[in-house]
Amino acid sequence: MKKQIEYFLVIFFILSIFHNLSAKEDWPMLKGPYLGQKPPGDIPVLFARETLAKHGQLHGCPVFSSDGNEVYWSQMGKGYEGIFFMKRINNKWTNPKKPSFLSAFRFTDVPCFSPDGQRLYFIVQSPSDWDENIMYVERKDNGWSSARSVGRGINDLDLHWQLSVTRNLDMYFQVRNEGRTDGIIYYAKFKDGYYQKPEKLGKTINTEAWEMAPYVSPDRSYIIFTRMTRAKDTDLFISFRDSTDNWTEAINMGESINSPVTELCPNVTPDGKYLFFLSTRDSESLAYWVDAKIIHELRPKE
């Protein structure tokens, strides 16, 4: 009996050591909206690098829930690949961790909230290959539902990277061509509980360049996306809905947003105040944010 007690004490001691080691990881104490970061002005600035990119670069930009109390993003650091999240409880943000509802998937990427915060969409990759599929979970009283597919009409296409949904859950996403040498932005309407047959956006959006990583405003009044030209220039472009309900000719968002390197994965916060995107201007893929008034300044004058 004495030996059994000593055995359990040793096991308890070892487990305590591992628990303490894991608990000692030095995460900053963050309080307040947007992880307590100082709001940006007209020039893009890094967003919470010490927290979001502590273990590697970002592959999906941070997205916030409609109440501002949750943030999800995706990393690509060794041993830290996939989607992570943090929650604000009593004005304090929890340490980053992986969502439990994604444990069944090998790799998860580019989270996307529905505008009302009741759905969370994301990309998964199947165990047998690297094909990408779009899944989603729905908010429940005690957390999130199990993951569900958006349907074969969308997932039978060669999808890649970021997606976006509008207030009525219409979805915008990138599809690759057969040789995976080009990107085209599609959309699928949500009707009677199902996604309809996907359609390509028109020539004001899709060109001979590579269009990818769309973000569409909840009211569908504008779309921001990445366009990569044959010269490998990779910038953010924007298009607006006109009075005839068509997309205007997409325009470059300008030097105040775009750098000589790569800008990707844009999204606008639910309150409409800030534009987030990924950029490699600091030699790594990191999150930047800027005042979203640039969107209104670029809107065509009537």
C-alpha atoms as a PDB file:
ATOM      1  CA  MET A   1       0.000   0.000   0.000  1.00  0.00           C
ATOM      2  CA  LYS A   2       2.836   2.341   0.921  1.00  0.00           C
ATOM      3  CA  LYS A   3       4.556   1.689  -2.423  1.00  0.00           C
ATOM      4  CA  GLN A   4       1.319   2.465  -4.277  1.00  0.00           C
ATOM      5  CA  ILE A   5       0.998   5.789  -2.466  1.00  0.00           C
ATOM      6  CA  GLU A   6       4.623   6.650  -3.269  1.00  0.00           C
ATOM      7  CA  TYR A   7       4.025   5.702  -6.921  1.00  0.00           C
ATOM      8  CA  PHE A   8       1.005   7.992  -7.218  1.00  0.00           C
ATOM      9  CA  LEU A   9       2.885  10.818  -5.490  1.00  0.00           C
ATOM     10  CA  VAL A  10       5.712  10.515  -8.037  1.00  0.00           C
ATOM     11  CA  ILE A  11       3.236  10.552 -10.927  1.00  0.00           C
ATOM     12  CA  PHE A  12       1.466  13.576  -9.443  1.00  0.00           C
ATOM     13  CA  PHE A  13       4.810  15.368  -9.028  1.00  0.00           C
ATOM     14  CA  ILE A  14       5.783  14.716 -12.671  1.00  0.00           C
ATOM     15  CA  LEU A  15       2.402  15.872 -13.967  1.00  0.00           C
ATOM     16  CA  SER A  16       2.681  19.003 -11.847  1.00  0.00           C
ATOM     17  CA  ILE A  17       6.053  19.810 -13.386  1.00  0.00           C
ATOM     18  CA  PHE A  18       4.642  19.515 -16.917  1.00  0.00           C
ATOM     19  CA  HIS A  19       1.628  21.603 -15.962  1.00  0.00           C
ATOM     20  CA  ASN A  20       3.813  24.337 -14.508  1.00  0.00           C
ATOM     21  CA  LEU A  21       6.089  24.353 -17.540  1.00  0.00           C
ATOM     22  CA  SER A  22       3.152  24.775 -19.879  1.00  0.00           C
ATOM     23  CA  ALA A  23       1.642  27.458 -17.664  1.00  0.00           C
ATOM     24  CA  LYS A  24       4.876  29.476 -17.622  1.00  0.00           C
ATOM     25  CA  GLU A  25       4.695  30.436 -21.286  1.00  0.00           C
ATOM     26  CA  ASP A  26       4.961  34.187 -21.280  1.00  0.00           C
ATOM     27  CA  TRP A  27       1.796  35.554 -22.860  1.00  0.00           C
ATOM     28  CA  PRO A  28       1.097  39.257 -22.356  1.00  0.00           C
ATOM     29  CA  MET A  29      -1.939  40.235 -20.286  1.00  0.00           C
ATOM     30  CA  LEU A  30      -4.313  41.846 -22.783  1.00  0.00           C
ATOM     31  CA  LYS A  31      -7.350  43.907 -21.833  1.00  0.00           C
ATOM     32  CA  GLY A  32      -9.934  45.877 -23.763  1.00  0.00           C
ATOM     33  CA  PRO A  33     -11.211  45.918 -27.344  1.00  0.00           C
ATOM     34  CA  TYR A  34      -9.024  44.515 -30.117  1.00  0.00           C
ATOM     35  CA  LEU A  35      -6.626  42.798 -27.728  1.00  0.00           C
ATOM     36  CA  GLY A  36      -5.937  46.135 -26.067  1.00  0.00           C
ATOM     37  CA  GLN A  37      -3.970  47.419 -29.061  1.00  0.00           C
ATOM     38  CA  LYS A  38      -3.713  51.143 -29.781  1.00  0.00           C
ATOM     39  CA  PRO A  39      -6.098  51.934 -32.675  1.00  0.00           C
ATOM     40  CA  PRO A  40      -4.333  52.725 -35.966  1.00  0.00           C
ATOM     41  CA  GLY A  41      -4.583  55.841 -38.089  1.00  0.00           C
ATOM     42  CA  ASP A  42      -4.164  56.327 -41.838  1.00  0.00           C
ATOM     43  CA  ILE A  43      -0.942  54.268 -42.025  1.00  0.00           C
ATOM     44  CA  PRO A  44      -1.109  50.463 -41.540  1.00  0.00           C
ATOM     45  CA  VAL A  45       0.607  49.188 -38.382  1.00  0.00           C
ATOM     46  CA  LEU A  46       1.394  45.739 -37.021  1.00  0.00           C
ATOM     47  CA  PHE A  47      -1.358  44.131 -34.955  1.00  0.00           C
ATOM     48  CA  ALA A  48      -0.502  42.134 -31.794  1.00  0.00           C
ATOM     49  CA  ARG A  49       2.547  40.451 -33.289  1.00  0.00           C
ATOM     50  CA  GLU A  50       3.815  39.160 -29.913  1.00  0.00           C
ATOM     51  CA  THR A  51       0.559  37.267 -29.409  1.00  0.00           C
ATOM     52  CA  LEU A  52      -0.795  36.182 -32.794  1.00  0.00           C
ATOM     53  CA  ALA A  53       2.558  35.408 -34.420  1.00  0.00           C
ATOM     54  CA  LYS A  54       4.559  34.314 -31.384  1.00  0.00           C
ATOM     55  CA  HIS A  55       5.140  30.817 -32.796  1.00  0.00           C
ATOM     56  CA  GLY A  56       5.125  31.517 -36.519  1.00  0.00           C
ATOM     57  CA  GLN A  57       3.828  33.599 -39.373  1.00  0.00           C
ATOM     58  CA  LEU A  58       0.144  34.091 -40.106  1.00  0.00           C
ATOM     59  CA  HIS A  59      -1.695  32.324 -42.911  1.00  0.00           C
ATOM     60  CA  GLY A  60      -5.105  33.796 -42.141  1.00  0.00           C
ATOM     61  CA  CYS A  61      -5.837  37.277 -40.854  1.00  0.00           C
ATOM     62  CA  PRO A  62      -7.502  37.766 -37.446  1.00  0.00           C
ATOM     63  CA  VAL A  63     -11.303  37.978 -37.599  1.00  0.00           C
ATOM     64  CA  PHE A  64     -13.450  39.276 -34.736  1.00  0.00           C
ATOM     65  CA  SER A  65     -16.937  38.212 -33.691  1.00  0.00           C
ATOM     66  CA  SER A  66     -19.806  40.688 -33.980  1.00  0.00           C
ATOM     67  CA  ASP A  67     -19.631  41.510 -30.233  1.00  0.00           C
ATOM     68  CA  GLY A  68     -15.835  41.898 -30.341  1.00  0.00           C
ATOM     69  CA  ASN A  69     -15.283  39.272 -27.659  1.00  0.00           C
ATOM     70  CA  GLU A  70     -13.698  36.541 -29.807  1.00  0.00           C
ATOM     71  CA  VAL A  71     -10.884  36.518 -32.334  1.00  0.00           C
ATOM     72  CA  TYR A  72      -9.829  33.667 -34.635  1.00  0.00           C
ATOM     73  CA  TRP A  73      -6.830  33.447 -36.976  1.00  0.00           C
ATOM     74  CA  SER A  74      -4.539  30.822 -38.564  1.00  0.00           C
ATOM     75  CA  GLN A  75      -0.810  30.293 -38.082  1.00  0.00           C
ATOM     76  CA  MET A  76       1.788  28.354 -40.022  1.00  0.00           C
ATOM     77  CA  GLY A  77       4.586  27.972 -37.459  1.00  0.00           C
ATOM     78  CA  LYS A  78       6.154  24.558 -36.881  1.00  0.00           C
ATOM     79  CA  GLY A  79       3.955  22.674 -34.454  1.00  0.00           C
ATOM     80  CA  TYR A  80       1.490  25.576 -34.358  1.00  0.00           C
ATOM     81  CA  GLU A  81      -0.263  25.193 -37.708  1.00  0.00           C
ATOM     82  CA  GLY A  82      -3.969  25.794 -38.013  1.00  0.00           C
ATOM     83  CA  ILE A  83      -6.656  27.943 -36.441  1.00  0.00           C
ATOM     84  CA  PHE A  84      -6.305  29.493 -32.987  1.00  0.00           C
ATOM     85  CA  PHE A  85      -8.649  31.680 -30.966  1.00  0.00           C
ATOM     86  CA  MET A  86      -8.898  33.923 -27.916  1.00  0.00           C
ATOM     87  CA  LYS A  87     -11.901  35.137 -25.912  1.00  0.00           C
ATOM     88  CA  ARG A  88     -12.444  38.286 -23.870  1.00  0.00           C
ATOM     89  CA  ILE A  89     -13.873  37.443 -20.431  1.00  0.00           C
ATOM     90  CA  ASN A  90     -14.391  40.237 -17.901  1.00  0.00           C
ATOM     91  CA  ASN A  91     -12.440  42.472 -20.314  1.00  0.00           C
ATOM     92  CA  LYS A  92      -9.364  40.177 -20.222  1.00  0.00           C
ATOM     93  CA  TRP A  93      -8.282  38.062 -23.184  1.00  0.00           C
ATOM     94  CA  THR A  94      -7.546  34.376 -22.681  1.00  0.00           C
ATOM     95  CA  ASN A  95      -4.319  32.830 -23.956  1.00  0.00           C
ATOM     96  CA  PRO A  96      -4.409  31.481 -27.541  1.00  0.00           C
ATOM     97  CA  LYS A  97      -5.506  27.882 -28.034  1.00  0.00           C
ATOM     98  CA  LYS A  98      -6.956  25.642 -30.726  1.00  0.00           C
ATOM     99  CA  PRO A  99     -10.743  25.188 -30.909  1.00  0.00           C
ATOM    100  CA  SER A 100     -11.796  21.739 -29.746  1.00  0.00           C
ATOM    101  CA  PHE A 101     -14.322  21.361 -32.587  1.00  0.00           C
ATOM    102  CA  LEU A 102     -11.447  21.310 -35.107  1.00  0.00           C
ATOM    103  CA  SER A 103      -9.539  18.433 -33.496  1.00  0.00           C
ATOM    104  CA  ALA A 104     -10.797  15.934 -36.094  1.00  0.00           C
ATOM    105  CA  PHE A 105      -9.128  17.758 -38.993  1.00  0.00           C
ATOM    106  CA  ARG A 106      -5.495  17.566 -40.083  1.00  0.00           C
ATOM    107  CA  PHE A 107      -5.197  21.205 -41.116  1.00  0.00           C
ATOM    108  CA  THR A 108      -7.587  24.131 -40.729  1.00  0.00           C
ATOM    109  CA  ASP A 109      -7.209  27.597 -42.159  1.00  0.00           C
ATOM    110  CA  VAL A 110      -8.638  31.094 -42.791  1.00  0.00           C
ATOM    111  CA  PRO A 111     -11.563  31.406 -40.338  1.00  0.00           C
ATOM    112  CA  CYS A 112     -14.464  33.639 -41.355  1.00  0.00           C
ATOM    113  CA  PHE A 113     -17.381  34.820 -39.201  1.00  0.00           C
ATOM    114  CA  SER A 114     -20.830  35.415 -40.608  1.00  0.00           C
ATOM    115  CA  PRO A 115     -21.705  39.085 -39.975  1.00  0.00           C
ATOM    116  CA  ASP A 116     -24.053  38.174 -37.097  1.00  0.00           C
ATOM    117  CA  GLY A 117     -21.374  36.009 -35.452  1.00  0.00           C
ATOM    118  CA  GLN A 118     -23.611  32.934 -35.428  1.00  0.00           C
ATOM    119  CA  ARG A 119     -21.563  30.949 -37.939  1.00  0.00           C
ATOM    120  CA  LEU A 120     -17.834  30.380 -38.251  1.00  0.00           C
ATOM    121  CA  TYR A 121     -16.601  29.184 -41.648  1.00  0.00           C
ATOM    122  CA  PHE A 122     -13.136  27.759 -42.332  1.00  0.00           C
ATOM    123  CA  ILE A 123     -11.078  25.706 -44.775  1.00  0.00           C
ATOM    124  CA  VAL A 124     -10.106  22.102 -44.001  1.00  0.00           C
ATOM    125  CA  GLN A 125      -7.861  19.729 -45.867  1.00  0.00           C
ATOM    126  CA  SER A 126      -8.717  16.051 -46.200  1.00  0.00           C
ATOM    127  CA  PRO A 127      -6.486  13.357 -44.627  1.00  0.00           C
ATOM    128  CA  SER A 128      -5.650  11.774 -48.008  1.00  0.00           C
ATOM    129  CA  ASP A 129      -4.597  14.862 -49.983  1.00  0.00           C
ATOM    130  CA  TRP A 130      -4.322  18.651 -49.850  1.00  0.00           C
ATOM    131  CA  ASP A 131      -7.668  19.412 -51.472  1.00  0.00           C
ATOM    132  CA  GLU A 132      -9.497  22.174 -49.622  1.00  0.00           C
ATOM    133  CA  ASN A 133     -13.117  22.096 -48.477  1.00  0.00           C
ATOM    134  CA  ILE A 134     -15.224  24.738 -46.768  1.00  0.00           C
ATOM    135  CA  MET A 135     -16.911  23.786 -43.506  1.00  0.00           C
ATOM    136  CA  TYR A 136     -18.776  25.749 -40.851  1.00  0.00           C
ATOM    137  CA  VAL A 137     -20.001  25.497 -37.275  1.00  0.00           C
ATOM    138  CA  GLU A 138     -23.031  27.205 -35.740  1.00  0.00           C
ATOM    139  CA  ARG A 139     -23.140  28.875 -32.350  1.00  0.00           C
ATOM    140  CA  LYS A 140     -24.967  27.005 -29.587  1.00  0.00           C
ATOM    141  CA  ASP A 141     -25.744  27.918 -25.978  1.00  0.00           C
ATOM    142  CA  ASN A 142     -22.753  25.894 -24.776  1.00  0.00           C
ATOM    143  CA  GLY A 143     -20.314  26.629 -27.606  1.00  0.00           C
ATOM    144  CA  TRP A 144     -20.257  25.509 -31.238  1.00  0.00           C
ATOM    145  CA  SER A 145     -21.979  22.746 -33.167  1.00  0.00           C
ATOM    146  CA  SER A 146     -20.116  19.977 -34.939  1.00  0.00           C
ATOM    147  CA  ALA A 147     -18.592  20.934 -38.282  1.00  0.00           C
ATOM    148  CA  ARG A 148     -20.766  20.757 -41.408  1.00  0.00           C
ATOM    149  CA  SER A 149     -19.982  20.986 -45.109  1.00  0.00           C
ATOM    150  CA  VAL A 150     -21.287  23.868 -47.223  1.00  0.00           C
ATOM    151  CA  GLY A 151     -22.179  21.321 -49.892  1.00  0.00           C
ATOM    152  CA  ARG A 152     -20.712  19.647 -52.963  1.00  0.00           C
ATOM    153  CA  GLY A 153     -21.674  22.455 -55.320  1.00  0.00           C
ATOM    154  CA  ILE A 154     -18.915  24.551 -53.757  1.00  0.00           C
ATOM    155  CA  ASN A 155     -16.571  21.879 -52.418  1.00  0.00           C
ATOM    156  CA  ASP A 156     -16.304  20.015 -55.727  1.00  0.00           C
ATOM    157  CA  LEU A 157     -14.390  23.029 -57.075  1.00  0.00           C
ATOM    158  CA  ASP A 158     -10.641  23.482 -56.617  1.00  0.00           C
ATOM    159  CA  LEU A 159     -10.905  25.962 -53.757  1.00  0.00           C
ATOM    160  CA  HIS A 160      -8.069  27.921 -52.256  1.00  0.00           C
ATOM    161  CA  TRP A 161      -7.618  30.186 -49.276  1.00  0.00           C
ATOM    162  CA  GLN A 162      -9.841  32.916 -47.893  1.00  0.00           C
ATOM    163  CA  LEU A 163     -13.630  33.110 -48.192  1.00  0.00           C
ATOM    164  CA  SER A 164     -16.213  35.682 -47.116  1.00  0.00           C
ATOM    165  CA  VAL A 165     -19.966  35.699 -46.462  1.00  0.00           C
ATOM    166  CA  THR A 166     -22.513  38.507 -46.583  1.00  0.00           C
ATOM    167  CA  ARG A 167     -25.378  39.270 -44.207  1.00  0.00           C
ATOM    168  CA  ASN A 168     -27.671  36.867 -46.055  1.00  0.00           C
ATOM    169  CA  LEU A 169     -24.857  34.223 -46.100  1.00  0.00           C
ATOM    170  CA  ASP A 170     -24.020  34.506 -49.803  1.00  0.00           C
ATOM    171  CA  MET A 171     -20.436  33.247 -50.114  1.00  0.00           C
ATOM    172  CA  TYR A 172     -17.450  34.594 -52.068  1.00  0.00           C
ATOM    173  CA  PHE A 173     -14.337  32.477 -52.565  1.00  0.00           C
ATOM    174  CA  GLN A 174     -11.390  31.722 -54.870  1.00  0.00           C
ATOM    175  CA  VAL A 175     -11.246  28.839 -57.347  1.00  0.00           C
ATOM    176  CA  ARG A 176      -8.084  27.690 -59.106  1.00  0.00           C
ATOM    177  CA  ASN A 177      -7.934  26.697 -62.765  1.00  0.00           C
ATOM    178  CA  GLU A 178      -7.024  23.190 -63.880  1.00  0.00           C
ATOM    179  CA  GLY A 179      -3.288  23.845 -63.828  1.00  0.00           C
ATOM    180  CA  ARG A 180      -3.484  25.789 -60.565  1.00  0.00           C
ATOM    181  CA  THR A 181      -1.739  28.666 -62.311  1.00  0.00           C
ATOM    182  CA  ASP A 182      -4.523  31.167 -61.862  1.00  0.00           C
ATOM    183  CA  GLY A 183      -7.180  32.291 -59.398  1.00  0.00           C
ATOM    184  CA  ILE A 184     -10.777  33.301 -60.104  1.00  0.00           C
ATOM    185  CA  ILE A 185     -13.301  34.722 -57.624  1.00  0.00           C
ATOM    186  CA  TYR A 186     -16.675  32.988 -57.500  1.00  0.00           C
ATOM    187  CA  TYR A 187     -19.799  33.469 -55.436  1.00  0.00           C
ATOM    188  CA  ALA A 188     -22.698  31.241 -54.408  1.00  0.00           C
ATOM    189  CA  LYS A 189     -26.100  32.472 -53.281  1.00  0.00           C
ATOM    190  CA  PHE A 190     -27.630  31.075 -50.097  1.00  0.00           C
ATOM    191  CA  LYS A 191     -31.291  30.197 -50.602  1.00  0.00           C
ATOM    192  CA  ASP A 192     -33.753  28.062 -48.624  1.00  0.00           C
ATOM    193  CA  GLY A 193     -30.974  26.786 -46.369  1.00  0.00           C
ATOM    194  CA  TYR A 194     -28.600  25.693 -49.148  1.00  0.00           C
ATOM    195  CA  TYR A 195     -25.867  27.155 -51.324  1.00  0.00           C
ATOM    196  CA  GLN A 196     -26.825  27.411 -54.968  1.00  0.00           C
ATOM    197  CA  LYS A 197     -24.652  26.719 -58.014  1.00  0.00           C
ATOM    198  CA  PRO A 198     -21.449  28.827 -57.849  1.00  0.00           C
ATOM    199  CA  GLU A 199     -20.932  31.540 -60.460  1.00  0.00           C
ATOM    200  CA  LYS A 200     -17.900  33.550 -61.560  1.00  0.00           C
ATOM    201  CA  LEU A 201     -17.765  37.257 -60.878  1.00  0.00           C
ATOM    202  CA  GLY A 202     -17.519  39.424 -63.985  1.00  0.00           C
ATOM    203  CA  LYS A 203     -14.597  40.990 -65.819  1.00  0.00           C
ATOM    204  CA  THR A 204     -14.513  44.056 -63.568  1.00  0.00           C
ATOM    205  CA  ILE A 205     -13.185  41.687 -60.870  1.00  0.00           C
ATOM    206  CA  ASN A 206     -11.683  38.694 -62.669  1.00  0.00           C
ATOM    207  CA  THR A 207      -8.938  39.478 -65.188  1.00  0.00           C
ATOM    208  CA  GLU A 208      -5.966  37.691 -66.725  1.00  0.00           C
ATOM    209  CA  ALA A 209      -4.190  38.254 -63.417  1.00  0.00           C
ATOM    210  CA  TRP A 210      -4.650  36.038 -60.343  1.00  0.00           C
ATOM    211  CA  GLU A 211      -7.568  37.205 -58.159  1.00  0.00           C
ATOM    212  CA  MET A 212      -7.856  35.693 -54.692  1.00  0.00           C
ATOM    213  CA  ALA A 213      -8.733  36.054 -50.990  1.00  0.00           C
ATOM    214  CA  PRO A 214     -11.964  38.075 -51.260  1.00  0.00           C
ATOM    215  CA  TYR A 215     -13.657  40.005 -48.477  1.00  0.00           C
ATOM    216  CA  VAL A 216     -17.205  41.242 -49.131  1.00  0.00           C
ATOM    217  CA  SER A 217     -18.966  43.742 -46.870  1.00  0.00           C
ATOM    218  CA  PRO A 218     -22.064  42.445 -45.041  1.00  0.00           C
ATOM    219  CA  ASP A 219     -24.368  44.567 -47.225  1.00  0.00           C
ATOM    220  CA  ARG A 220     -22.487  43.568 -50.413  1.00  0.00           C
ATOM    221  CA  SER A 221     -21.706  47.218 -51.174  1.00  0.00           C
ATOM    222  CA  TYR A 222     -17.988  46.564 -51.809  1.00  0.00           C
ATOM    223  CA  ILE A 223     -15.481  43.765 -52.257  1.00  0.00           C
ATOM    224  CA  ILE A 224     -11.772  43.856 -51.398  1.00  0.00           C
ATOM    225  CA  PHE A 225      -9.460  41.183 -52.775  1.00  0.00           C
ATOM    226  CA  THR A 226      -5.871  40.443 -53.747  1.00  0.00           C
ATOM    227  CA  ARG A 227      -4.752  40.653 -57.367  1.00  0.00           C
ATOM    228  CA  MET A 228      -1.391  39.208 -58.413  1.00  0.00           C
ATOM    229  CA  THR A 229      -0.180  40.292 -61.837  1.00  0.00           C
ATOM    230  CA  ARG A 230       2.196  38.407 -64.110  1.00  0.00           C
ATOM    231  CA  ALA A 231       4.952  40.635 -62.746  1.00  0.00           C
ATOM    232  CA  LYS A 232       4.153  39.122 -59.301  1.00  0.00           C
ATOM    233  CA  ASP A 233       2.874  42.415 -57.937  1.00  0.00           C
ATOM    234  CA  THR A 234       0.440  41.405 -55.188  1.00  0.00           C
ATOM    235  CA  ASP A 235      -1.832  44.232 -54.027  1.00  0.00           C
ATOM    236  CA  LEU A 236      -5.249  44.816 -52.515  1.00  0.00           C
ATOM    237  CA  PHE A 237      -7.952  46.008 -54.928  1.00  0.00           C
ATOM    238  CA  ILE A 238     -11.475  47.233 -54.250  1.00  0.00           C
ATOM    239  CA  SER A 239     -14.717  47.333 -56.246  1.00  0.00           C
ATOM    240  CA  PHE A 240     -18.105  48.852 -55.333  1.00  0.00           C
ATOM    241  CA  ARG A 241     -21.705  48.024 -56.242  1.00  0.00           C
ATOM    242  CA  ASP A 242     -23.110  50.684 -58.546  1.00  0.00           C
ATOM    243  CA  SER A 243     -26.677  51.951 -58.988  1.00  0.00           C
ATOM    244  CA  THR A 244     -27.402  49.119 -61.432  1.00  0.00           C
ATOM    245  CA  ASP A 245     -26.300  46.491 -58.868  1.00  0.00           C
ATOM    246  CA  ASN A 246     -23.107  45.662 -60.778  1.00  0.00           C
ATOM    247  CA  TRP A 247     -19.507  45.665 -59.619  1.00  0.00           C
ATOM    248  CA  THR A 248     -17.471  48.700 -60.695  1.00  0.00           C
ATOM    249  CA  GLU A 249     -14.039  48.337 -62.267  1.00  0.00           C
ATOM    250  CA  ALA A 250     -11.703  47.231 -59.454  1.00  0.00           C
ATOM    251  CA  ILE A 251      -9.042  49.767 -58.475  1.00  0.00           C
ATOM    252  CA  ASN A 252      -5.766  49.478 -56.604  1.00  0.00           C
ATOM    253  CA  MET A 253      -6.161  50.640 -52.988  1.00  0.00           C
ATOM    254  CA  GLY A 254      -3.029  52.766 -53.300  1.00  0.00           C
ATOM    255  CA  GLU A 255       0.368  53.194 -51.700  1.00  0.00           C
ATOM    256  CA  SER A 256      -1.079  54.031 -48.298  1.00  0.00           C
ATOM    257  CA  ILE A 257      -2.264  50.391 -48.115  1.00  0.00           C
ATOM    258  CA  ASN A 258      -0.105  48.433 -50.551  1.00  0.00           C
ATOM    259  CA  SER A 259       3.654  48.011 -50.230  1.00  0.00           C
ATOM    260  CA  PRO A 260       6.288  46.817 -52.748  1.00  0.00           C
ATOM    261  CA  VAL A 261       5.820  43.278 -51.381  1.00  0.00           C
ATOM    262  CA  THR A 262       2.684  41.183 -50.700  1.00  0.00           C
ATOM    263  CA  GLU A 263      -0.719  42.134 -49.269  1.00  0.00           C
ATOM    264  CA  LEU A 264      -3.311  39.395 -48.727  1.00  0.00           C
ATOM    265  CA  CYS A 265      -6.437  38.251 -46.895  1.00  0.00           C
ATOM    266  CA  PRO A 266      -8.290  41.517 -46.177  1.00  0.00           C
ATOM    267  CA  ASN A 267     -11.236  41.850 -43.832  1.00  0.00           C
ATOM    268  CA  VAL A 268     -13.073  44.698 -42.137  1.00  0.00           C
ATOM    269  CA  THR A 269     -14.059  44.575 -38.472  1.00  0.00           C
ATOM    270  CA  PRO A 270     -17.784  44.114 -37.671  1.00  0.00           C
ATOM    271  CA  ASP A 271     -18.048  47.726 -36.448  1.00  0.00           C
ATOM    272  CA  GLY A 272     -16.678  48.928 -39.814  1.00  0.00           C
ATOM    273  CA  LYS A 273     -13.847  50.874 -38.177  1.00  0.00           C
ATOM    274  CA  TYR A 274     -10.718  48.978 -39.228  1.00  0.00           C
ATOM    275  CA  LEU A 275      -9.311  47.172 -42.236  1.00  0.00           C
ATOM    276  CA  PHE A 276      -7.117  44.145 -41.476  1.00  0.00           C
ATOM    277  CA  PHE A 277      -4.834  42.357 -43.928  1.00  0.00           C
ATOM    278  CA  LEU A 278      -1.680  40.254 -44.097  1.00  0.00           C
ATOM    279  CA  SER A 279       1.545  41.740 -45.423  1.00  0.00           C
ATOM    280  CA  THR A 280       5.140  40.595 -45.823  1.00  0.00           C
ATOM    281  CA  ARG A 281       6.541  44.132 -45.512  1.00  0.00           C
ATOM    282  CA  ASP A 282       8.273  43.086 -42.288  1.00  0.00           C
ATOM    283  CA  SER A 283       9.852  40.038 -44.024  1.00  0.00           C
ATOM    284  CA  GLU A 284       7.193  37.738 -42.527  1.00  0.00           C
ATOM    285  CA  SER A 285       3.486  37.245 -43.132  1.00  0.00           C
ATOM    286  CA  LEU A 286       1.967  39.316 -40.316  1.00  0.00           C
ATOM    287  CA  ALA A 287      -1.302  41.093 -39.543  1.00  0.00           C
ATOM    288  CA  TYR A 288      -1.647  44.829 -40.105  1.00  0.00           C
ATOM    289  CA  TRP A 289      -4.590  47.122 -39.470  1.00  0.00           C
ATOM    290  CA  VAL A 290      -5.542  50.614 -40.569  1.00  0.00           C
ATOM    291  CA  ASP A 291      -8.450  53.020 -40.304  1.00  0.00           C
ATOM    292  CA  ALA A 292     -11.188  51.819 -42.662  1.00  0.00           C
ATOM    293  CA  LYS A 293     -12.038  55.331 -43.846  1.00  0.00           C
ATOM    294  CA  ILE A 294      -9.811  54.607 -46.852  1.00  0.00           C
ATOM    295  CA  ILE A 295     -12.725  52.523 -48.181  1.00  0.00           C
ATOM    296  CA  HIS A 296     -15.083  55.503 -48.139  1.00  0.00           C
ATOM    297  CA  GLU A 297     -12.425  57.760 -49.657  1.00  0.00           C
ATOM    298  CA  LEU A 298     -12.069  55.387 -52.624  1.00  0.00           C
ATOM    299  CA  ARG A 299     -15.799  55.045 -53.205  1.00  0.00           C
ATOM    300  CA  PRO A 300     -16.848  56.655 -56.523  1.00  0.00           C
ATOM    301  CA  LYS A 301     -18.511  60.039 -56.087  1.00  0.00           C
ATOM    302  CA  GLU A 302     -22.063  60.144 -57.366  1.00  0.00           C
END
